[in-house]
Protein backbone atom coordinates (compact mmCIF):
# COMPACT_ATOMS: atom_id res chain seq x y z
CA MET A 1 18.51 7.52 -7.46
CA GLU A 2 18.92 4.35 -5.33
CA PRO A 3 16.10 3.67 -2.81
CA ASP A 4 16.84 3.91 0.87
CA LYS A 5 18.33 0.78 2.45
CA ILE A 6 16.72 -0.55 5.57
CA PHE A 7 19.27 -1.68 8.19
CA ILE A 8 16.99 -2.27 11.20
CA ASP A 9 13.21 -2.65 11.14
CA ILE A 10 12.25 -1.23 14.50
CA ARG A 11 8.75 -2.69 14.48
CA THR A 12 10.14 -6.28 14.50
CA SER A 13 13.40 -5.66 16.33
CA GLU A 14 13.81 -6.72 19.96
CA LEU A 15 16.89 -4.57 20.47
CA THR A 16 17.01 -2.12 23.40
CA LEU A 17 17.63 1.57 22.70
CA ALA A 18 21.25 1.20 23.84
CA GLN A 19 21.69 -1.72 21.42
CA VAL A 20 20.10 0.26 18.56
CA LEU A 21 22.50 3.13 19.15
CA GLN A 22 25.41 0.69 19.22
CA GLU A 23 24.19 -0.85 15.94
CA ILE A 24 23.89 2.62 14.34
CA ARG A 25 27.55 3.30 15.25
CA ARG A 26 28.55 -0.05 13.76
CA ILE A 27 26.50 0.54 10.59
CA GLN A 28 28.04 3.98 10.14
CA SER A 29 31.59 2.68 10.51
CA GLU A 30 30.97 -0.19 8.08
CA ASN A 31 29.08 1.96 5.55
CA PRO A 32 30.77 5.36 5.41
CA GLU A 33 29.22 6.00 1.96
CA TYR A 34 25.75 5.97 3.57
CA GLU A 35 23.91 8.68 5.55
CA ILE A 36 22.26 6.72 8.41
CA PHE A 37 18.97 8.04 9.83
CA MET A 38 15.75 7.13 11.59
CA ASP A 39 12.96 6.87 9.02
CA GLY A 40 9.78 7.60 10.99
CA ASP A 41 7.42 6.64 8.18
CA ALA A 42 9.09 3.23 7.73
CA HIS A 43 9.82 2.74 11.49
CA ALA A 44 13.32 1.75 10.62
CA ILE A 45 16.97 2.71 10.82
CA ALA A 46 17.75 3.41 7.15
CA GLY A 47 20.52 4.69 4.99
CA ARG A 48 21.00 6.38 1.74
CA ILE A 49 24.02 6.99 -0.41
CA ARG A 50 25.62 10.33 0.39
CA VAL A 51 25.40 12.84 -2.40
CA ARG A 52 28.60 14.78 -2.85
CA ARG A 53 27.95 18.40 -3.63
CA ASP A 54 30.91 20.19 -5.07
CA THR A 55 31.02 23.82 -4.07
CA GLN A 56 32.43 26.25 -6.53
């Protein structure tokens, strides 16, 4: 399994909340294969490859 990808390190970012939300939307649109989320342990906006689960 591929490790999570860090898109925005919140500890070092100077973005406002509105800018972070705008960046999340941009990241999601440019990376549809990733699930984008706030990683509280890493203090970052991160992403991981979506796992497709086939239902039978």
